[in-house]
Structures are given as C-alpha cells and as structure tokens.
Protein backbone atom coordinates (compact mmCIF):
# COMPACT_ATOMS: atom_id res chain seq x y z
CA MET A 1 -40.21 -19.44 -4.46
CA LYS A 2 -38.38 -18.76 -7.71
CA PRO A 3 -39.80 -16.26 -10.18
CA VAL A 4 -41.45 -17.86 -13.19
CA THR A 5 -40.10 -16.71 -16.54
CA ALA A 6 -42.19 -16.24 -19.66
CA SER A 7 -40.26 -19.00 -21.39
CA LEU A 8 -41.06 -21.47 -18.61
CA LYS A 9 -44.74 -20.49 -18.71
CA LYS A 10 -44.84 -21.17 -22.46
CA THR A 11 -43.12 -24.52 -21.99
CA VAL A 12 -45.53 -25.58 -19.23
CA SER A 13 -48.54 -24.40 -21.25
CA PHE A 14 -47.38 -26.28 -24.35
CA THR A 15 -46.60 -29.43 -22.36
CA SER A 16 -49.96 -29.42 -20.59
CA LEU A 17 -51.78 -28.76 -23.87
CA ALA A 18 -49.87 -31.57 -25.59
CA THR A 19 -50.72 -33.86 -22.67
CA LEU A 20 -54.41 -33.02 -23.01
CA LEU A 21 -54.32 -33.66 -26.75
CA VAL A 22 -52.65 -37.04 -26.30
CA LEU A 23 -55.09 -38.03 -23.56
CA THR A 24 -58.01 -36.91 -25.73
CA GLY A 25 -56.71 -39.12 -28.54
CA ILE A 26 -56.47 -42.05 -26.14
CA SER A 27 -60.05 -41.40 -24.99
CA PHE A 28 -61.18 -41.31 -28.61
CA VAL A 29 -59.53 -44.66 -29.39
CA LEU A 30 -60.93 -46.22 -26.22
CA GLY A 31 -64.41 -45.09 -27.25
CA TYR A 32 -64.21 -47.16 -30.43
CA LEU A 33 -63.03 -50.35 -28.75
CA PRO A 34 -65.57 -53.02 -27.77
CA ALA A 35 -67.12 -52.16 -24.41
CA SER A 36 -65.75 -53.95 -21.37
CA GLN A 37 -65.07 -53.12 -17.73
CA LEU A 38 -61.36 -52.68 -18.45
CA ILE A 39 -62.00 -50.23 -21.30
CA MET A 40 -64.46 -48.30 -19.15
CA MET A 41 -62.00 -48.05 -16.26
CA LEU A 42 -59.19 -46.96 -18.59
CA ALA A 43 -61.41 -44.27 -20.12
CA LEU A 44 -62.42 -43.08 -16.66
CA VAL A 45 -58.80 -42.93 -15.46
CA VAL A 46 -57.76 -41.00 -18.58
CA THR A 47 -60.62 -38.56 -17.98
CA LEU A 48 -59.60 -38.08 -14.35
CA ILE A 49 -56.00 -37.41 -15.40
CA LYS A 50 -57.24 -34.84 -17.91
CA GLY A 51 -59.30 -33.19 -15.17
CA HIS A 52 -56.24 -33.05 -12.92
CA VAL A 53 -54.18 -31.38 -15.66
CA ILE A 54 -56.95 -28.83 -16.22
CA VAL A 55 -57.26 -28.09 -12.50
CA ASP A 56 -53.52 -27.70 -11.96
CA TYR A 57 -52.42 -25.87 -15.09
CA PHE A 58 -55.34 -24.21 -16.87
CA MET A 59 -57.25 -23.17 -13.75
CA GLY A 60 -53.94 -22.18 -12.17
CA LEU A 61 -54.53 -23.96 -8.87
CA ARG A 62 -51.02 -25.34 -8.89
CA HIS A 63 -49.85 -22.16 -7.14
CA CYS A 64 -52.84 -21.76 -4.80
CA GLN A 65 -53.33 -22.93 -1.27
CA PRO A 66 -53.42 -26.74 -0.97
CA LEU A 67 -57.04 -26.63 0.22
CA TRP A 68 -58.31 -25.53 -3.20
CA ARG A 69 -56.38 -28.27 -4.99
CA ILE A 70 -57.69 -30.85 -2.54
CA VAL A 71 -61.27 -29.64 -3.02
CA MET A 72 -61.10 -29.67 -6.82
CA ASN A 73 -59.23 -32.97 -7.10
CA GLY A 74 -61.55 -34.47 -4.49
CA TYR A 75 -64.48 -33.39 -6.64
CA LEU A 76 -62.95 -35.18 -9.63
CA VAL A 77 -62.40 -38.36 -7.63
CA LEU A 78 -65.93 -38.20 -6.19
CA ILE A 79 -67.59 -37.80 -9.57
CA GLY A 80 -65.35 -40.46 -11.13
CA SER A 81 -66.18 -42.85 -8.30
CA LEU A 82 -69.91 -42.22 -8.65
CA ILE A 83 -69.72 -42.87 -12.39
CA ALA A 84 -67.78 -46.11 -11.80
CA ILE A 85 -70.30 -47.26 -9.16
CA ALA A 86 -73.21 -46.47 -11.47
CA TYR A 87 -71.55 -48.41 -14.28
CA PHE A 88 -70.92 -51.48 -12.17
CA ILE A 89 -74.42 -51.47 -10.65
CA SER A 90 -76.13 -51.35 -14.05
C-alpha cells in the first residue's frame, strides 16, 4: 500500500466535501418538485450515495477491513429499502 501524502488527503477531503454539497443541492431541489414515485426514488438514491460518501471518507472506513464497510453500507441499504417499502405501502 502506498503512503498517503498530505496533499492527496486534502484533495480527497475537498472532493468528498464538494460531492456532498452537490448532492445536498440536488436533494434540496428534489424536495421542491411535485411529489411522485420517481422523485421519491431519486431523493432516496441521492441520500444513499451521500451516506456511502460519509461512510467511506468521513468515517474513514475506506481503509478498514471490508467487513466494516459491508456492515455500514448494508445498514444504509437496509434503511433505504425499509423507507422505500413504507412509502410504496402507504
């Protein structure tokens, strides 16, 4: 494994933060659109992507054992699926 330089850490941090800001803006815009199943699914997918970015980069699980990433990303998928099921049932 290559050593990570401070410059690379700053670049990754800035990129992940910029990604989160863009995805938050998309979520905001989707929230103001008329409600439909497509809009709801798009908002849910954007939220799951944001969760994945947080798990990998801000929680630092990108460099951990794969089990921890699987557990945390599985949690995101589980909760997202339960929200989608609840939405479609109601």
